Structures are given as C-alpha cells and as structure tokens.
C-alpha cells in the first residue's frame, strides 16, 4: 500500500516502514501465508461463499496482516527516532508531531481494515466492530 510515490518527509517514514517488513521476516511470512490460505479458500468455494472455512481464513489473515503492519510501523518509528538522535535528521517533527504521526500510521492501518470490510459487505458487515463481532462469534461457535 505504501508504493505510492512520496516526495516529502513522509517518504522516509514509508521507506522505513517497508524496511520493517524486511527486518521481521517471520511476521511477514506469516502474513503472506495467511493471505495465501484466504485466497485459496475463495478460489475453492467461490467469491460469494462466506462459509466458516473462508471466514476463519479471513480472520487469521486479518490478524496476521494487521500485526505485520503494526510491527513494520513500530520498526519505522524506532528507526526514525534513531536517525533523529544520531544524525539530527528531523523526520517525526516535520511530519507534525505525535498526533500527525498517529493519523498518518492509522490512515494506512485503516486502509487494510477497510479492505476486509469491503469483502464482508455482502454479509452485512459494515463496521470494524461488526467485523470483530463476526469473528468472535465464529471463534465462540468452535467452527474456526
């Protein structure tokens, strides 16, 4: 998602985020394998079939992908702070401080969440809370 061209200081943070994916190979591989499992379920059962197997794969993909993204952002923020301390490069301040950084990072995380919500539109799931409830109900039913 960060492949969009960036020309400002946020491009450095985006680059560090992508480096974070490379730095945490286990998290990245888990996200990739869970994506492959989810896509396999869609291929097997069809795009409009929301059986428990597909929903379970989607739940696990979402968890792995969001964790992978958060890990990469944590890496990026730590490296940005290190660059600021070590070389005096003002990255986080130029983005606008904590509030702007929080908005910047959450904007990307929300894009991932919206992707899952878009997929669940056909099962009348329109909010993050409804999605979490759907997955919790799946887990409680023991069909996961």
C-alpha atoms as a PDB file:
ATOM      1  CA  UNK A   1       0.000   0.000   0.000  1.00  0.00           C
ATOM      2  CA  UNK A   2       2.916   2.345   0.524  1.00  0.00           C
ATOM      3  CA  UNK A   3       4.100   2.032  -3.052  1.00  0.00           C
ATOM      4  CA  UNK A   4       2.526   5.359  -3.929  1.00  0.00           C
ATOM      5  CA  UNK A   5       5.158   7.910  -4.865  1.00  0.00           C
ATOM      6  CA  UNK A   6       6.108  10.125  -1.964  1.00  0.00           C
ATOM      7  CA  UNK A   7       8.073  13.329  -2.279  1.00  0.00           C
ATOM      8  CA  UNK A   8       8.111  14.668   1.241  1.00  0.00           C
ATOM      9  CA  UNK A   9       9.483  13.638   4.586  1.00  0.00           C
ATOM     10  CA  UNK A  10       6.731  11.033   4.960  1.00  0.00           C
ATOM     11  CA  UNK A  11       8.502   9.144   2.164  1.00  0.00           C
ATOM     12  CA  UNK A  12      11.374   8.450   4.542  1.00  0.00           C
ATOM     13  CA  UNK A  13       8.959   7.070   7.111  1.00  0.00           C
ATOM     14  CA  UNK A  14       7.233   4.982   4.423  1.00  0.00           C
ATOM     15  CA  UNK A  15      10.619   3.626   3.324  1.00  0.00           C
ATOM     16  CA  UNK A  16      11.492   2.733   6.918  1.00  0.00           C
ATOM     17  CA  UNK A  17       8.122   1.002   7.223  1.00  0.00           C
ATOM     18  CA  UNK A  18       8.904  -1.170   4.193  1.00  0.00           C
ATOM     19  CA  UNK A  19      12.329  -1.900   5.689  1.00  0.00           C
ATOM     20  CA  UNK A  20      10.468  -3.023   8.803  1.00  0.00           C
ATOM     21  CA  UNK A  21       8.812  -5.761   6.759  1.00  0.00           C
ATOM     22  CA  UNK A  22      12.245  -6.976   5.676  1.00  0.00           C
ATOM     23  CA  UNK A  23      13.564  -6.791   9.232  1.00  0.00           C
ATOM     24  CA  UNK A  24      10.798  -9.044  10.583  1.00  0.00           C
ATOM     25  CA  UNK A  25      10.776 -11.956   8.184  1.00  0.00           C
ATOM     26  CA  UNK A  26       8.720 -14.211  10.460  1.00  0.00           C
ATOM     27  CA  UNK A  27       5.861 -11.711  10.732  1.00  0.00           C
ATOM     28  CA  UNK A  28       5.959 -11.002   7.001  1.00  0.00           C
ATOM     29  CA  UNK A  29       5.957 -14.701   6.114  1.00  0.00           C
ATOM     30  CA  UNK A  30       3.054 -15.369   8.466  1.00  0.00           C
ATOM     31  CA  UNK A  31       1.062 -12.565   6.843  1.00  0.00           C
ATOM     32  CA  UNK A  32       1.887 -13.891   3.375  1.00  0.00           C
ATOM     33  CA  UNK A  33       0.938 -17.482   4.184  1.00  0.00           C
ATOM     34  CA  UNK A  34      -2.330 -16.393   5.797  1.00  0.00           C
ATOM     35  CA  UNK A  35      -3.145 -14.308   2.693  1.00  0.00           C
ATOM     36  CA  UNK A  36      -2.470 -17.338   0.513  1.00  0.00           C
ATOM     37  CA  UNK A  37      -4.736 -19.513   2.668  1.00  0.00           C
ATOM     38  CA  UNK A  38      -7.539 -16.953   2.473  1.00  0.00           C
ATOM     39  CA  UNK A  39      -7.207 -16.657  -1.311  1.00  0.00           C
ATOM     40  CA  UNK A  40      -7.191 -20.433  -1.569  1.00  0.00           C
ATOM     41  CA  UNK A  41     -10.490 -20.566   0.310  1.00  0.00           C
ATOM     42  CA  UNK A  42     -12.013 -18.008  -2.051  1.00  0.00           C
ATOM     43  CA  UNK A  43     -10.786 -19.984  -5.055  1.00  0.00           C
ATOM     44  CA  UNK A  44     -12.117 -23.227  -3.644  1.00  0.00           C
ATOM     45  CA  UNK A  45     -15.556 -22.022  -2.544  1.00  0.00           C
ATOM     46  CA  UNK A  46     -16.197 -19.021  -4.759  1.00  0.00           C
ATOM     47  CA  UNK A  47     -16.171 -15.289  -4.247  1.00  0.00           C
ATOM     48  CA  UNK A  48     -19.715 -15.125  -2.850  1.00  0.00           C
ATOM     49  CA  UNK A  49     -19.480 -18.089  -0.484  1.00  0.00           C
ATOM     50  CA  UNK A  50     -18.847 -16.953   3.095  1.00  0.00           C
ATOM     51  CA  UNK A  51     -18.624 -20.332   4.805  1.00  0.00           C
ATOM     52  CA  UNK A  52     -16.860 -20.793   8.126  1.00  0.00           C
ATOM     53  CA  UNK A  53     -13.698 -22.048   6.458  1.00  0.00           C
ATOM     54  CA  UNK A  54     -13.344 -18.871   4.414  1.00  0.00           C
ATOM     55  CA  UNK A  55     -14.284 -16.600   7.316  1.00  0.00           C
ATOM     56  CA  UNK A  56     -11.787 -18.364   9.547  1.00  0.00           C
ATOM     57  CA  UNK A  57      -9.042 -17.922   6.948  1.00  0.00           C
ATOM     58  CA  UNK A  58     -10.016 -14.274   6.613  1.00  0.00           C
ATOM     59  CA  UNK A  59      -9.929 -13.781  10.389  1.00  0.00           C
ATOM     60  CA  UNK A  60      -6.438 -15.274  10.601  1.00  0.00           C
ATOM     61  CA  UNK A  61      -5.249 -13.256   7.620  1.00  0.00           C
ATOM     62  CA  UNK A  62      -6.536 -10.033   9.132  1.00  0.00           C
ATOM     63  CA  UNK A  63      -4.810 -10.746  12.442  1.00  0.00           C
ATOM     64  CA  UNK A  64      -1.502 -11.620  10.771  1.00  0.00           C
ATOM     65  CA  UNK A  65      -1.580  -8.714   8.311  1.00  0.00           C
ATOM     66  CA  UNK A  66      -2.508  -6.086  10.899  1.00  0.00           C
ATOM     67  CA  UNK A  67       0.176  -7.400  13.275  1.00  0.00           C
ATOM     68  CA  UNK A  68       2.724  -7.368  10.447  1.00  0.00           C
ATOM     69  CA  UNK A  69       1.800  -3.796   9.561  1.00  0.00           C
ATOM     70  CA  UNK A  70       1.968  -2.654  13.189  1.00  0.00           C
ATOM     71  CA  UNK A  71       5.356  -4.344  13.587  1.00  0.00           C
ATOM     72  CA  UNK A  72       6.659  -2.586  10.476  1.00  0.00           C
ATOM     73  CA  UNK A  73       5.372   0.788  11.719  1.00  0.00           C
ATOM     74  CA  UNK A  74       6.970   0.206  15.128  1.00  0.00           C
ATOM     75  CA  UNK A  75      10.269  -0.524  13.374  1.00  0.00           C
ATOM     76  CA  UNK A  76       9.898   2.616  11.232  1.00  0.00           C
ATOM     77  CA  UNK A  77       9.198   4.862  14.206  1.00  0.00           C
ATOM     78  CA  UNK A  78      12.111   3.443  16.203  1.00  0.00           C
ATOM     79  CA  UNK A  79      14.488   3.905  13.271  1.00  0.00           C
ATOM     80  CA  UNK A  80      13.195   7.433  12.636  1.00  0.00           C
ATOM     81  CA  UNK A  81      13.870   8.331  16.280  1.00  0.00           C
ATOM     82  CA  UNK A  82      17.336   6.779  15.997  1.00  0.00           C
ATOM     83  CA  UNK A  83      18.076   8.798  12.839  1.00  0.00           C
ATOM     84  CA  UNK A  84      16.927  11.964  14.595  1.00  0.00           C
ATOM     85  CA  UNK A  85      19.129  11.293  17.623  1.00  0.00           C
ATOM     86  CA  UNK A  86      22.147  10.065  15.683  1.00  0.00           C
ATOM     87  CA  UNK A  87      22.182  12.374  12.668  1.00  0.00           C
ATOM     88  CA  UNK A  88      19.904  15.212  13.646  1.00  0.00           C
ATOM     89  CA  UNK A  89      17.519  14.446  10.780  1.00  0.00           C
ATOM     90  CA  UNK A  90      14.116  15.811  11.719  1.00  0.00           C
ATOM     91  CA  UNK A  91      11.628  13.241  10.442  1.00  0.00           C
ATOM     92  CA  UNK A  92       8.913  12.881  13.045  1.00  0.00           C
ATOM     93  CA  UNK A  93       8.840  16.578  13.915  1.00  0.00           C
ATOM     94  CA  UNK A  94       8.500  17.540  10.259  1.00  0.00           C
ATOM     95  CA  UNK A  95       5.531  15.234   9.874  1.00  0.00           C
ATOM     96  CA  UNK A  96       3.845  17.216  12.618  1.00  0.00           C
ATOM     97  CA  UNK A  97       4.470  15.532  15.939  1.00  0.00           C
ATOM     98  CA  UNK A  98       2.727  12.676  17.688  1.00  0.00           C
ATOM     99  CA  UNK A  99      -0.818  13.481  16.629  1.00  0.00           C
ATOM    100  CA  UNK A 100       0.065  13.731  12.922  1.00  0.00           C
ATOM    101  CA  UNK A 101       2.207  10.589  13.065  1.00  0.00           C
ATOM    102  CA  UNK A 102      -0.658   8.733  14.759  1.00  0.00           C
ATOM    103  CA  UNK A 103      -3.029   9.922  11.997  1.00  0.00           C
ATOM    104  CA  UNK A 104      -0.503   9.008   9.301  1.00  0.00           C
ATOM    105  CA  UNK A 105       0.055   5.464  10.589  1.00  0.00           C
ATOM    106  CA  UNK A 106      -3.603   4.849  11.391  1.00  0.00           C
ATOM    107  CA  UNK A 107      -4.550   6.017   7.918  1.00  0.00           C
ATOM    108  CA  UNK A 108      -2.603   3.122   6.456  1.00  0.00           C
ATOM    109  CA  UNK A 109      -3.875   0.612   9.022  1.00  0.00           C
ATOM    110  CA  UNK A 110      -7.433   1.736   8.332  1.00  0.00           C
ATOM    111  CA  UNK A 111      -6.937   1.046   4.622  1.00  0.00           C
ATOM    112  CA  UNK A 112      -6.263  -2.590   5.475  1.00  0.00           C
ATOM    113  CA  UNK A 113      -9.285  -2.752   7.765  1.00  0.00           C
ATOM    114  CA  UNK A 114     -11.444  -1.205   5.042  1.00  0.00           C
ATOM    115  CA  UNK A 115     -10.308  -3.883   2.612  1.00  0.00           C
ATOM    116  CA  UNK A 116     -11.665  -6.574   4.924  1.00  0.00           C
ATOM    117  CA  UNK A 117     -14.875  -4.633   5.474  1.00  0.00           C
ATOM    118  CA  UNK A 118     -15.322  -4.272   1.727  1.00  0.00           C
ATOM    119  CA  UNK A 119     -15.031  -8.035   1.402  1.00  0.00           C
ATOM    120  CA  UNK A 120     -17.622  -8.566   4.155  1.00  0.00           C
ATOM    121  CA  UNK A 121     -20.107  -6.112   2.664  1.00  0.00           C
ATOM    122  CA  UNK A 122     -22.195  -8.979   1.252  1.00  0.00           C
ATOM    123  CA  UNK A 123     -22.727 -10.419   4.733  1.00  0.00           C
ATOM    124  CA  UNK A 124     -23.996  -7.088   6.103  1.00  0.00           C
ATOM    125  CA  UNK A 125     -20.842  -6.249   7.999  1.00  0.00           C
ATOM    126  CA  UNK A 126     -20.182  -2.531   7.714  1.00  0.00           C
ATOM    127  CA  UNK A 127     -18.032  -1.519  10.701  1.00  0.00           C
ATOM    128  CA  UNK A 128     -14.871  -2.694  12.412  1.00  0.00           C
ATOM    129  CA  UNK A 129     -16.943  -3.536  15.497  1.00  0.00           C
ATOM    130  CA  UNK A 130     -19.331  -5.693  13.456  1.00  0.00           C
ATOM    131  CA  UNK A 131     -16.381  -7.450  11.829  1.00  0.00           C
ATOM    132  CA  UNK A 132     -14.774  -8.148  15.191  1.00  0.00           C
ATOM    133  CA  UNK A 133     -18.102  -9.485  16.486  1.00  0.00           C
ATOM    134  CA  UNK A 134     -18.475 -11.731  13.440  1.00  0.00           C
ATOM    135  CA  UNK A 135     -15.026 -13.193  14.041  1.00  0.00           C
ATOM    136  CA  UNK A 136     -15.644 -13.517  17.800  1.00  0.00           C
ATOM    137  CA  UNK A 137     -18.895 -15.382  17.120  1.00  0.00           C
ATOM    138  CA  UNK A 138     -17.055 -17.662  14.715  1.00  0.00           C
ATOM    139  CA  UNK A 139     -14.474 -18.399  17.389  1.00  0.00           C
ATOM    140  CA  UNK A 140     -17.129 -18.983  20.090  1.00  0.00           C
ATOM    141  CA  UNK A 141     -19.015 -21.408  17.865  1.00  0.00           C
ATOM    142  CA  UNK A 142     -15.889 -23.564  17.705  1.00  0.00           C
ATOM    143  CA  UNK A 143     -16.131 -23.699  13.925  1.00  0.00           C
ATOM    144  CA  UNK A 144     -12.942 -21.771  13.449  1.00  0.00           C
END
